C-alpha cells in the first residue's frame, strides 16, 4: 500500500470517529489510556496496530508523519490530534477532553 493511501485511509478512520485510539494490544500505556476513557464512559474506536501486520507499521508511520508522534497510544478527538497516554489522562482530569467532545 502506498503511504498516501495509508494516510487517506487513516484520516478517514480519524474523521469517522469522535474518539479514535491507535493502540498496540500489549502496550501498558495504551491500556491505561483506554481504561481511563472507559472509566469516564467515553466511547471510542480502537485500532490495534500490532494485530494488522505490515499494515499496522504503515499506519504507525503515517501517524508519525501526520502528528510527529511515533508512539502509541495515538489519540484523536473530533479529528484533532490529542496525543498519548499522559495527554489523555491530563485532559480527562482537567475536563479538556470532555470539552473537545462537545
N, C-alpha and C. Protein backbone atom coordinates (compact mmCIF):
# COMPACT_ATOMS: atom_id res chain seq x y z
N UNK A 1 0.85 -1.18 0.00
CA UNK A 1 0.00 0.00 0.00
C UNK A 1 0.89 1.24 0.00
N UNK A 2 0.56 2.21 -0.82
CA UNK A 2 1.34 3.44 -0.87
C UNK A 2 1.03 4.28 0.36
N UNK A 3 2.04 5.07 0.78
CA UNK A 3 1.87 5.87 2.00
C UNK A 3 0.67 6.80 1.91
N UNK A 4 0.42 7.40 0.73
CA UNK A 4 -0.71 8.31 0.64
C UNK A 4 -2.04 7.57 0.82
N UNK A 5 -2.11 6.34 0.32
CA UNK A 5 -3.33 5.54 0.51
C UNK A 5 -3.51 5.20 1.98
N UNK A 6 -2.42 4.86 2.65
CA UNK A 6 -2.48 4.57 4.09
C UNK A 6 -2.90 5.82 4.85
N UNK A 7 -2.31 6.95 4.49
CA UNK A 7 -2.65 8.21 5.15
C UNK A 7 -4.12 8.56 4.94
N UNK A 8 -4.61 8.37 3.72
CA UNK A 8 -6.01 8.66 3.42
C UNK A 8 -6.94 7.76 4.22
N UNK A 9 -6.64 6.47 4.25
CA UNK A 9 -7.47 5.51 4.99
C UNK A 9 -7.44 5.82 6.48
N UNK A 10 -6.26 6.18 6.99
CA UNK A 10 -6.11 6.51 8.40
C UNK A 10 -6.89 7.78 8.72
N UNK A 11 -6.81 8.77 7.85
CA UNK A 11 -7.53 10.03 8.05
C UNK A 11 -9.03 9.78 8.07
N UNK A 12 -9.52 8.86 7.23
CA UNK A 12 -10.96 8.52 7.23
C UNK A 12 -11.38 7.92 8.56
N UNK A 13 -10.54 7.05 9.12
CA UNK A 13 -10.85 6.46 10.42
C UNK A 13 -10.91 7.55 11.49
N UNK A 14 -9.96 8.47 11.43
CA UNK A 14 -9.90 9.55 12.42
C UNK A 14 -11.13 10.44 12.30
N UNK A 15 -11.47 10.84 11.09
CA UNK A 15 -12.60 11.77 10.92
C UNK A 15 -13.95 11.06 11.08
N UNK A 16 -13.95 9.73 11.00
CA UNK A 16 -15.20 8.99 11.14
C UNK A 16 -15.55 8.63 12.57
N UNK A 17 -14.73 9.01 13.53
CA UNK A 17 -14.95 8.67 14.92
C UNK A 17 -14.80 9.90 15.80
N UNK A 18 -15.66 10.02 16.80
CA UNK A 18 -15.48 11.12 17.76
C UNK A 18 -14.16 10.96 18.50
N UNK A 19 -13.87 9.71 18.90
CA UNK A 19 -12.61 9.42 19.59
C UNK A 19 -11.98 8.21 18.93
N UNK A 20 -10.78 8.38 18.41
CA UNK A 20 -10.06 7.30 17.72
C UNK A 20 -8.75 7.08 18.47
N UNK A 21 -8.52 5.81 18.84
CA UNK A 21 -7.31 5.44 19.57
C UNK A 21 -6.52 4.44 18.72
N UNK A 22 -5.31 4.80 18.36
CA UNK A 22 -4.40 3.87 17.70
C UNK A 22 -3.53 3.30 18.82
N UNK A 23 -3.52 1.97 18.92
CA UNK A 23 -3.01 1.29 20.09
C UNK A 23 -2.22 0.06 19.68
N UNK A 24 -1.56 -0.54 20.65
CA UNK A 24 -0.98 -1.88 20.49
C UNK A 24 -1.48 -2.70 21.67
N UNK A 25 -1.90 -3.91 21.40
CA UNK A 25 -2.59 -4.71 22.43
C UNK A 25 -1.71 -5.02 23.64
N UNK A 26 -0.40 -4.98 23.49
CA UNK A 26 0.50 -5.32 24.60
C UNK A 26 1.06 -4.09 25.31
N UNK A 27 0.64 -2.90 24.90
CA UNK A 27 1.21 -1.65 25.42
C UNK A 27 0.52 -1.22 26.72
N UNK A 28 1.27 -1.13 27.83
CA UNK A 28 0.65 -0.73 29.09
C UNK A 28 0.12 0.71 29.08
N UNK A 29 0.75 1.60 28.33
CA UNK A 29 0.27 2.98 28.24
C UNK A 29 -1.05 3.04 27.47
N UNK A 30 -1.16 2.21 26.44
CA UNK A 30 -2.41 2.11 25.68
C UNK A 30 -3.52 1.60 26.59
N UNK A 31 -3.21 0.57 27.39
CA UNK A 31 -4.20 0.00 28.31
C UNK A 31 -4.67 1.06 29.31
N UNK A 32 -3.74 1.87 29.82
CA UNK A 32 -4.11 2.92 30.78
C UNK A 32 -5.02 3.95 30.14
N UNK A 33 -4.68 4.37 28.93
CA UNK A 33 -5.49 5.39 28.24
C UNK A 33 -6.89 4.85 27.94
N UNK A 34 -6.96 3.60 27.43
CA UNK A 34 -8.27 3.02 27.10
C UNK A 34 -9.10 2.81 28.37
N UNK A 35 -8.46 2.36 29.45
CA UNK A 35 -9.18 2.16 30.72
C UNK A 35 -9.70 3.50 31.26
N UNK A 36 -8.92 4.55 31.13
CA UNK A 36 -9.35 5.88 31.60
C UNK A 36 -10.57 6.35 30.82
N UNK A 37 -10.55 6.15 29.50
CA UNK A 37 -11.70 6.54 28.67
C UNK A 37 -12.93 5.73 29.07
N UNK A 38 -12.74 4.42 29.21
CA UNK A 38 -13.86 3.55 29.62
C UNK A 38 -14.39 3.97 30.99
N UNK A 39 -13.48 4.32 31.89
CA UNK A 39 -13.87 4.74 33.24
C UNK A 39 -14.73 5.99 33.25
N UNK A 40 -14.55 6.84 32.26
CA UNK A 40 -15.34 8.07 32.13
C UNK A 40 -16.57 7.85 31.25
N UNK A 41 -16.75 6.61 30.77
CA UNK A 41 -17.91 6.31 29.92
C UNK A 41 -17.81 6.91 28.53
N UNK A 42 -16.59 7.16 28.08
CA UNK A 42 -16.38 7.76 26.75
C UNK A 42 -16.19 6.66 25.72
N UNK A 43 -17.08 6.65 24.74
CA UNK A 43 -16.99 5.64 23.66
C UNK A 43 -15.85 6.02 22.73
N UNK A 44 -15.14 5.02 22.24
CA UNK A 44 -14.04 5.27 21.31
C UNK A 44 -13.88 4.09 20.37
N UNK A 45 -13.29 4.37 19.23
CA UNK A 45 -12.89 3.34 18.28
C UNK A 45 -11.42 3.06 18.54
N UNK A 46 -11.03 1.81 18.35
CA UNK A 46 -9.63 1.47 18.58
C UNK A 46 -9.11 0.65 17.41
N UNK A 47 -7.89 0.92 17.04
CA UNK A 47 -7.18 0.16 16.00
C UNK A 47 -5.93 -0.39 16.66
N UNK A 48 -5.89 -1.72 16.83
CA UNK A 48 -4.73 -2.37 17.45
C UNK A 48 -3.69 -2.64 16.36
N UNK A 49 -2.70 -1.77 16.26
CA UNK A 49 -1.75 -1.80 15.15
C UNK A 49 -0.94 -3.09 15.09
N UNK A 50 -0.66 -3.69 16.25
CA UNK A 50 0.15 -4.91 16.26
C UNK A 50 -0.61 -6.11 15.69
N UNK A 51 -1.91 -6.01 15.55
CA UNK A 51 -2.71 -7.12 15.01
C UNK A 51 -2.93 -6.99 13.50
N UNK A 52 -2.35 -5.96 12.90
CA UNK A 52 -2.56 -5.70 11.48
C UNK A 52 -1.36 -6.06 10.61
N UNK A 53 -0.32 -6.63 11.20
CA UNK A 53 0.86 -6.99 10.44
C UNK A 53 1.54 -5.78 9.84
N UNK A 54 1.96 -5.91 8.59
CA UNK A 54 2.69 -4.83 7.91
C UNK A 54 1.85 -3.56 7.82
N UNK A 55 0.54 -3.71 7.66
CA UNK A 55 -0.33 -2.54 7.56
C UNK A 55 -0.27 -1.71 8.85
N UNK A 56 -0.15 -2.38 10.00
CA UNK A 56 -0.05 -1.66 11.27
C UNK A 56 1.18 -0.77 11.32
N UNK A 57 2.30 -1.28 10.82
CA UNK A 57 3.53 -0.49 10.78
C UNK A 57 3.38 0.69 9.82
N UNK A 58 2.68 0.46 8.70
CA UNK A 58 2.45 1.55 7.74
C UNK A 58 1.56 2.62 8.34
N UNK A 59 0.53 2.20 9.07
CA UNK A 59 -0.36 3.17 9.72
C UNK A 59 0.42 3.96 10.76
N UNK A 60 1.26 3.28 11.54
CA UNK A 60 2.05 3.98 12.56
C UNK A 60 2.99 4.99 11.90
N UNK A 61 3.58 4.64 10.77
CA UNK A 61 4.45 5.57 10.05
C UNK A 61 3.64 6.76 9.52
N UNK A 62 2.44 6.50 9.02
CA UNK A 62 1.58 7.58 8.53
C UNK A 62 1.19 8.52 9.68
N UNK A 63 0.87 7.94 10.83
CA UNK A 63 0.52 8.75 12.00
C UNK A 63 1.71 9.62 12.43
N UNK A 64 2.92 9.05 12.39
CA UNK A 64 4.11 9.80 12.76
C UNK A 64 4.31 10.98 11.82
N UNK A 65 4.06 10.75 10.53
CA UNK A 65 4.16 11.83 9.55
C UNK A 65 3.12 12.92 9.81
N UNK A 66 1.90 12.49 10.15
CA UNK A 66 0.80 13.43 10.35
C UNK A 66 0.95 14.23 11.63
N UNK A 67 1.47 13.58 12.70
CA UNK A 67 1.42 14.20 14.03
C UNK A 67 2.79 14.49 14.64
N UNK A 68 3.83 13.86 14.11
CA UNK A 68 5.15 13.97 14.73
C UNK A 68 5.32 13.04 15.92
N UNK A 69 4.28 12.26 16.23
CA UNK A 69 4.32 11.32 17.36
C UNK A 69 4.48 9.91 16.82
N UNK A 70 5.56 9.23 17.24
CA UNK A 70 5.82 7.87 16.76
C UNK A 70 5.25 6.79 17.69
N UNK A 71 4.85 7.20 18.89
CA UNK A 71 4.45 6.22 19.90
C UNK A 71 2.94 6.03 19.95
N UNK A 72 2.54 4.92 20.59
CA UNK A 72 1.13 4.67 20.87
C UNK A 72 0.95 4.71 22.38
N UNK A 73 -0.25 5.03 22.88
CA UNK A 73 -1.43 5.32 22.08
C UNK A 73 -1.29 6.68 21.37
N UNK A 74 -1.96 6.75 20.25
CA UNK A 74 -2.04 7.99 19.49
C UNK A 74 -3.53 8.29 19.39
N UNK A 75 -3.97 9.33 20.07
CA UNK A 75 -5.40 9.57 20.28
C UNK A 75 -5.85 10.84 19.57
N UNK A 76 -7.01 10.73 18.94
CA UNK A 76 -7.64 11.84 18.22
C UNK A 76 -9.04 12.05 18.77
N UNK A 77 -9.42 13.32 18.93
CA UNK A 77 -10.77 13.67 19.39
C UNK A 77 -11.37 14.62 18.36
N UNK A 78 -12.52 14.21 17.81
CA UNK A 78 -13.22 15.03 16.80
C UNK A 78 -12.26 15.43 15.66
N UNK A 79 -11.40 14.48 15.27
CA UNK A 79 -10.50 14.72 14.15
C UNK A 79 -9.22 15.45 14.49
N UNK A 80 -9.09 15.91 15.74
CA UNK A 80 -7.89 16.65 16.14
C UNK A 80 -6.98 15.75 16.97
N UNK A 81 -5.68 15.86 16.73
CA UNK A 81 -4.71 15.06 17.46
C UNK A 81 -4.63 15.55 18.90
N UNK A 82 -4.81 14.61 19.85
CA UNK A 82 -4.69 14.95 21.27
C UNK A 82 -3.31 14.57 21.79
N UNK A 83 -2.84 13.36 21.46
CA UNK A 83 -1.53 12.92 21.91
C UNK A 83 -1.57 11.50 22.44
N UNK A 84 -0.75 11.25 23.46
CA UNK A 84 -0.61 9.90 24.00
C UNK A 84 -1.28 9.75 25.35
N UNK A 85 -0.82 8.76 26.10
CA UNK A 85 -1.43 8.40 27.38
C UNK A 85 -1.45 9.57 28.37
N UNK A 86 -0.31 10.23 28.57
CA UNK A 86 -0.24 11.34 29.52
C UNK A 86 -1.21 12.46 29.13
N UNK A 87 -1.31 12.72 27.81
CA UNK A 87 -2.22 13.76 27.31
C UNK A 87 -3.67 13.39 27.59
N UNK A 88 -4.01 12.11 27.38
CA UNK A 88 -5.37 11.64 27.63
C UNK A 88 -5.70 11.79 29.12
N UNK A 89 -4.81 11.29 29.98
CA UNK A 89 -5.07 11.34 31.42
C UNK A 89 -5.18 12.79 31.92
N UNK A 90 -4.29 13.65 31.46
CA UNK A 90 -4.31 15.05 31.89
C UNK A 90 -5.58 15.75 31.40
N UNK A 91 -5.97 15.51 30.15
CA UNK A 91 -7.14 16.20 29.61
C UNK A 91 -8.44 15.66 30.22
N UNK A 92 -8.46 14.38 30.56
CA UNK A 92 -9.63 13.84 31.27
C UNK A 92 -9.74 14.46 32.65
N UNK A 93 -8.61 14.60 33.33
CA UNK A 93 -8.59 15.17 34.67
C UNK A 93 -8.98 16.64 34.70
N UNK A 94 -8.59 17.38 33.68
CA UNK A 94 -8.86 18.82 33.65
C UNK A 94 -10.22 19.15 33.05
N UNK A 95 -10.86 18.16 32.40
CA UNK A 95 -12.13 18.42 31.72
C UNK A 95 -11.96 18.85 30.28
N UNK A 96 -10.71 19.05 29.83
CA UNK A 96 -10.46 19.48 28.45
C UNK A 96 -10.96 18.44 27.45
N UNK A 97 -10.78 17.15 27.78
CA UNK A 97 -11.21 16.08 26.87
C UNK A 97 -12.71 16.18 26.62
N UNK A 98 -13.47 16.34 27.70
CA UNK A 98 -14.92 16.42 27.58
C UNK A 98 -15.33 17.66 26.77
N UNK A 99 -14.59 18.76 26.93
CA UNK A 99 -14.86 19.97 26.15
C UNK A 99 -14.63 19.71 24.66
N UNK A 100 -13.54 18.98 24.35
CA UNK A 100 -13.23 18.69 22.95
C UNK A 100 -14.33 17.84 22.30
N UNK A 101 -15.01 17.03 23.10
CA UNK A 101 -16.07 16.16 22.58
C UNK A 101 -17.34 16.91 22.22
N UNK A 102 -17.52 18.09 22.76
CA UNK A 102 -18.76 18.84 22.54
C UNK A 102 -18.86 19.36 21.12
